[in-house]
Every structure is written in structure tokens, then in C-alpha cells.
Amino acid sequence: MIEFISAVYNEEAELHNLINHVTPWVDRINIVDDGSTDETAAILDLNFLHSGLDFHYKTIEHTGLCEVARIKALEMCKDDSWIIMLDADERFADRALEQIVDFCKSPTLATHIYFSQKEYIDGRQVADFAKVKVFKKSAAHLPEIIHHDPQFDGKAVNLGLTVLHRKTSSKQINREQEYKETYQKLLNEGKVTEDDVKWFLNMHHYVR
């Protein structure tokens, strides 16, 4: 089985395109909403929960930690599934999903697939790095803390495929500011260190 997961927060403008992007290629869709205050919940309920898709959705109290929502979404998946994971504003490049599905359905010892993730802000590419976006549920160890990289058991492959992550500067500023506030809360709770906070600030342009 191939399942899709996404953690969403105030993504009303992205939802239709995101779900339509993956629906033809997956057997089941699992979305966890980190307490959105926009029309995210209404859109998902009206357009997808009763659509006949194998669609599963839950909302949690807002944490500011997309990683927590991803873990909740992964818990909704079957233990032997391949998982495709995208943020609401990420899309695979043309024909990538077709190749992903072919690979997941073929005999393989691999447990996770690396992609070239190209990051865009206001149409300008700002980064390109390797990221796992497809993996076996049984191999995944997702973190709870913001931007700590997931770990995966087993063998990795790189099929030369690309994920596009397109953001606006206004959205990025708001997100980075909230992440900064969340890091401060985690620091106060003893869940991260001062070095973690410094790392976060160095990695994010708008809150330096």
C-alpha cells in the first residue's frame, strides 16, 4: 500500500491542488491539521472527507510543531505501507510520482528515497538540498522538534527526482516568526538548548 501524509496549518489556498496532485497515485490519504484558524478544516470536510476517497483527517490543538503533526499522520498509516510525505506547498516535479509508484511496487531492499529539494521564495530559488520524501513506515523515526532531520533504518536510494517547495516571503516571515516563538517556549521547557536556538536563527533569513 502507498499512503500520503501531510501536516497542514492555515493552508486553505493549497489544499485542493495538493490533494489532487497525489490522489491518482496513492491508496490512502492522511492529513493532520495543527489547529488551523483559516478555512482548512471546512475545505477538507466539505470537499474530501465525503468524496469516496480513502481519506483520513484529524485536527490537533495548535503546537507550532509541524513535526508533531507529521508523527500523528504517520500513526494513522498501516505498518507495512510506503509513505509519501509533502508539506502543503511542496509538489513533485513532472512524472516523479509515476516513477515513485513504480519503484514502491517493485521488489526492493530500499526503505527510503532521497530527492533533490529545490526551495523557492517569491519565485527565486534559495536552496537545493537532499531530502527524504518517500519511505517505509517501519523504517522511519520522525523527530518531534522543529527541523531536526528524520532518521531511517535500512538502505537509501536516489532516483534523481525533484521536489519543488514554493513559498512567498510574507508566508515565510510569518512561519519563521512563529517557529522562533516556539523555539523560545521549548527552551523555557528545557526541550531544546541555546545552541539549538542559535542554529535555528542562523538557518532562517527573516528572523536573524
Protein backbone atom coordinates (compact mmCIF):
# COMPACT_ATOMS: atom_id res chain seq x y z
CA MET A 1 0.00 0.00 0.00
CA ILE A 2 1.13 3.55 -0.76
CA GLU A 3 -0.12 6.25 1.62
CA PHE A 4 0.22 10.02 1.61
CA ILE A 5 0.72 12.14 4.73
CA SER A 6 0.84 15.87 5.26
CA ALA A 7 0.86 18.20 8.26
CA VAL A 8 -1.05 21.38 7.47
CA TYR A 9 -1.57 24.72 9.18
CA ASN A 10 -3.58 27.56 7.60
CA GLU A 11 -3.15 26.13 4.10
CA GLU A 12 -6.59 26.81 2.64
CA ALA A 13 -5.09 28.04 -0.65
CA GLU A 14 -3.02 24.89 -1.18
CA LEU A 15 -5.33 22.05 -0.24
CA HIS A 16 -7.17 21.32 -3.48
CA ASN A 17 -4.02 21.36 -5.59
CA LEU A 18 -2.04 19.31 -3.07
CA ILE A 19 -4.62 16.54 -2.76
CA ASN A 20 -5.32 16.47 -6.50
CA HIS A 21 -1.55 16.22 -7.05
CA VAL A 22 -1.26 12.93 -5.15
CA THR A 23 -4.72 11.35 -5.36
CA PRO A 24 -4.21 9.38 -8.60
CA TRP A 25 -1.07 7.75 -7.21
CA VAL A 26 -1.84 6.73 -3.63
CA ASP A 27 -4.19 4.28 -1.94
CA ARG A 28 -4.91 6.36 1.16
CA ILE A 29 -4.53 9.99 2.28
CA ASN A 30 -3.85 11.07 5.87
CA ILE A 31 -3.89 14.76 6.83
CA VAL A 32 -3.30 16.21 10.29
CA ASP A 33 -4.17 19.86 10.88
CA ASP A 34 -2.15 21.68 13.56
CA GLY A 35 -5.14 23.73 14.72
CA SER A 36 -5.66 25.96 11.67
CA THR A 37 -7.57 29.21 12.13
CA ASP A 38 -8.48 29.65 8.44
CA GLU A 39 -10.88 27.54 6.33
CA THR A 40 -8.61 24.46 6.21
CA ALA A 41 -10.93 22.27 8.28
CA ALA A 42 -14.06 23.33 6.38
CA ILE A 43 -12.44 22.74 2.99
CA LEU A 44 -11.25 19.27 3.93
CA ASP A 45 -14.61 18.34 5.42
CA LEU A 46 -16.69 19.68 2.54
CA ASN A 47 -14.56 18.51 -0.37
CA PHE A 48 -12.68 15.38 0.67
CA LEU A 49 -13.98 13.62 3.77
CA HIS A 50 -17.16 12.51 1.98
CA SER A 51 -15.74 12.23 -1.53
CA GLY A 52 -15.31 8.46 -1.69
CA LEU A 53 -11.54 8.71 -1.35
CA ASP A 54 -9.81 6.68 1.36
CA PHE A 55 -9.27 9.98 3.16
CA HIS A 56 -8.47 10.42 6.84
CA TYR A 57 -8.23 13.74 8.64
CA LYS A 58 -7.80 14.89 12.21
CA THR A 59 -7.11 18.21 13.86
CA ILE A 60 -4.98 18.73 16.95
CA GLU A 61 -4.52 21.65 19.31
CA HIS A 62 -2.04 24.06 17.75
CA THR A 63 1.55 23.30 18.72
CA GLY A 64 3.60 25.26 16.17
CA LEU A 65 5.47 21.99 15.60
CA CYS A 66 4.76 20.53 12.17
CA GLU A 67 6.85 17.52 13.19
CA VAL A 68 4.32 16.60 15.86
CA ALA A 69 1.51 16.69 13.29
CA ARG A 70 3.58 14.53 10.92
CA ILE A 71 4.04 11.92 13.64
CA LYS A 72 0.28 11.92 14.24
CA ALA A 73 -0.30 11.44 10.50
CA LEU A 74 2.23 8.62 10.32
CA GLU A 75 0.47 6.88 13.21
CA MET A 76 -2.66 6.77 11.05
CA CYS A 77 -0.86 4.71 8.38
CA LYS A 78 -0.67 0.94 8.10
CA ASP A 79 2.57 -0.61 9.35
CA ASP A 80 3.65 -2.13 6.02
CA SER A 81 2.92 0.94 3.86
CA TRP A 82 5.18 3.07 1.73
CA ILE A 83 4.71 6.69 2.80
CA ILE A 84 4.81 9.77 0.57
CA MET A 85 5.23 12.92 2.67
CA LEU A 86 4.84 16.50 1.43
CA ASP A 87 4.24 19.87 3.03
CA ALA A 88 1.15 21.63 1.70
CA ASP A 89 3.23 23.89 -0.56
CA GLU A 90 5.51 21.15 -1.94
CA ARG A 91 4.99 19.33 -5.23
CA PHE A 92 6.88 16.63 -7.07
CA ALA A 93 8.34 17.52 -10.44
CA ASP A 94 6.60 16.23 -13.58
CA ARG A 95 6.37 12.42 -13.84
CA ALA A 96 8.08 11.88 -10.49
CA LEU A 97 5.00 10.31 -8.90
CA GLU A 98 4.71 7.78 -11.69
CA GLN A 99 8.32 6.69 -11.08
CA ILE A 100 7.83 6.68 -7.31
CA VAL A 101 4.84 4.36 -7.57
CA ASP A 102 6.65 2.01 -9.97
CA PHE A 103 9.58 1.84 -7.58
CA CYS A 104 7.44 1.21 -4.49
CA LYS A 105 5.60 -1.61 -6.24
CA SER A 106 8.80 -3.29 -7.42
CA PRO A 107 10.89 -5.74 -5.38
CA THR A 108 13.47 -3.69 -3.50
CA LEU A 109 15.57 -3.79 -0.34
CA ALA A 110 15.50 0.00 -0.09
CA THR A 111 13.49 1.63 2.69
CA HIS A 112 13.69 5.33 1.74
CA ILE A 113 14.21 7.59 -1.28
CA TYR A 114 16.19 10.82 -1.42
CA PHE A 115 15.08 13.74 -3.59
CA SER A 116 16.64 16.99 -4.70
CA GLN A 117 14.52 19.53 -2.84
CA LYS A 118 14.55 22.92 -4.52
CA GLU A 119 13.36 25.78 -2.32
CA TYR A 120 11.83 28.92 -3.85
CA ILE A 121 10.76 32.18 -2.19
CA ASP A 122 8.82 34.64 -4.40
CA GLY A 123 9.91 32.65 -7.44
CA ARG A 124 13.64 32.83 -6.68
CA GLN A 125 15.49 29.65 -5.83
CA VAL A 126 17.19 29.98 -2.44
CA ALA A 127 18.35 26.43 -1.70
CA ASP A 128 18.78 22.94 -3.12
CA PHE A 129 19.44 20.01 -0.78
CA ALA A 130 18.78 16.28 -0.40
CA LYS A 131 15.66 15.25 1.50
CA VAL A 132 13.74 12.02 2.05
CA LYS A 133 10.14 12.31 0.91
CA VAL A 134 9.23 8.64 0.39
CA PHE A 135 9.88 5.86 2.90
CA LYS A 136 8.62 2.70 4.51
CA LYS A 137 6.66 3.43 7.68
CA SER A 138 8.51 0.67 9.52
CA ALA A 139 11.87 2.36 8.79
CA ALA A 140 11.01 5.89 9.90
CA HIS A 141 11.93 7.69 13.10
CA LEU A 142 10.40 11.17 12.89
CA PRO A 143 11.52 13.82 15.40
CA GLU A 144 9.23 16.00 17.50
CA ILE A 145 11.43 19.10 17.44
CA ILE A 146 11.34 21.62 14.58
CA HIS A 147 13.73 20.92 11.72
CA HIS A 148 15.52 18.00 13.32
CA ASP A 149 16.09 15.57 10.44
CA PRO A 150 14.17 12.28 10.43
CA GLN A 151 16.19 9.09 10.66
CA PHE A 152 15.56 5.98 8.58
CA ASP A 153 16.61 2.38 9.01
CA GLY A 154 17.78 0.39 6.02
CA LYS A 155 19.07 1.24 2.57
CA ALA A 156 18.55 4.58 0.82
CA VAL A 157 18.28 5.19 -2.91
CA ASN A 158 18.31 8.32 -5.03
CA LEU A 159 16.29 8.11 -8.24
CA GLY A 160 17.31 11.59 -9.42
CA LEU A 161 13.84 13.03 -8.75
CA THR A 162 12.95 16.52 -7.59
CA VAL A 163 10.59 18.13 -5.07
CA LEU A 164 9.67 21.79 -5.54
CA HIS A 165 8.90 23.90 -2.46
CA ARG A 166 7.44 27.27 -3.41
CA LYS A 167 6.76 29.93 -0.75
CA THR A 168 6.08 33.63 -0.55
CA SER A 169 8.21 35.90 1.59
CA SER A 170 5.15 37.02 3.59
CA LYS A 171 4.25 33.43 4.43
CA GLN A 172 7.86 32.61 5.25
CA ILE A 173 8.21 35.61 7.56
CA ASN A 174 5.10 34.60 9.50
CA ARG A 175 6.21 30.97 9.73
CA GLU A 176 9.74 31.81 10.85
CA GLN A 177 8.42 34.19 13.48
CA GLU A 178 6.14 31.52 14.89
CA TYR A 179 8.97 28.98 14.83
CA LYS A 180 11.15 31.45 16.74
CA GLU A 181 8.45 31.84 19.39
CA THR A 182 8.04 28.06 19.56
CA TYR A 183 11.79 27.59 19.99
CA GLN A 184 11.75 30.05 22.89
CA LYS A 185 8.89 28.12 24.50
CA LEU A 186 10.78 24.84 24.04
CA LEU A 187 13.90 26.43 25.51
CA ASN A 188 11.93 27.55 28.56
CA GLU A 189 10.61 23.99 28.93
CA GLY A 190 14.12 22.51 28.66
CA LYS A 191 13.34 20.64 25.43
CA VAL A 192 15.99 22.42 23.34
CA THR A 193 19.29 24.09 24.13
CA GLU A 194 20.68 27.56 23.50
CA ASP A 195 22.77 26.01 20.71
CA ASP A 196 19.56 24.71 19.09
CA VAL A 197 18.13 28.22 19.13
CA LYS A 198 21.32 29.69 17.65
CA TRP A 199 21.27 27.03 14.92
CA PHE A 200 17.67 27.88 14.10
CA LEU A 201 18.37 31.61 13.88
CA ASN A 202 21.40 31.05 11.64
CA MET A 203 19.35 28.85 9.30
CA HIS A 204 16.45 31.28 8.84
CA HIS A 205 16.84 34.51 6.94
CA TYR A 206 13.92 36.55 8.22
CA VAL A 207 14.42 36.10 11.97
CA ARG A 208 18.19 36.60 12.18
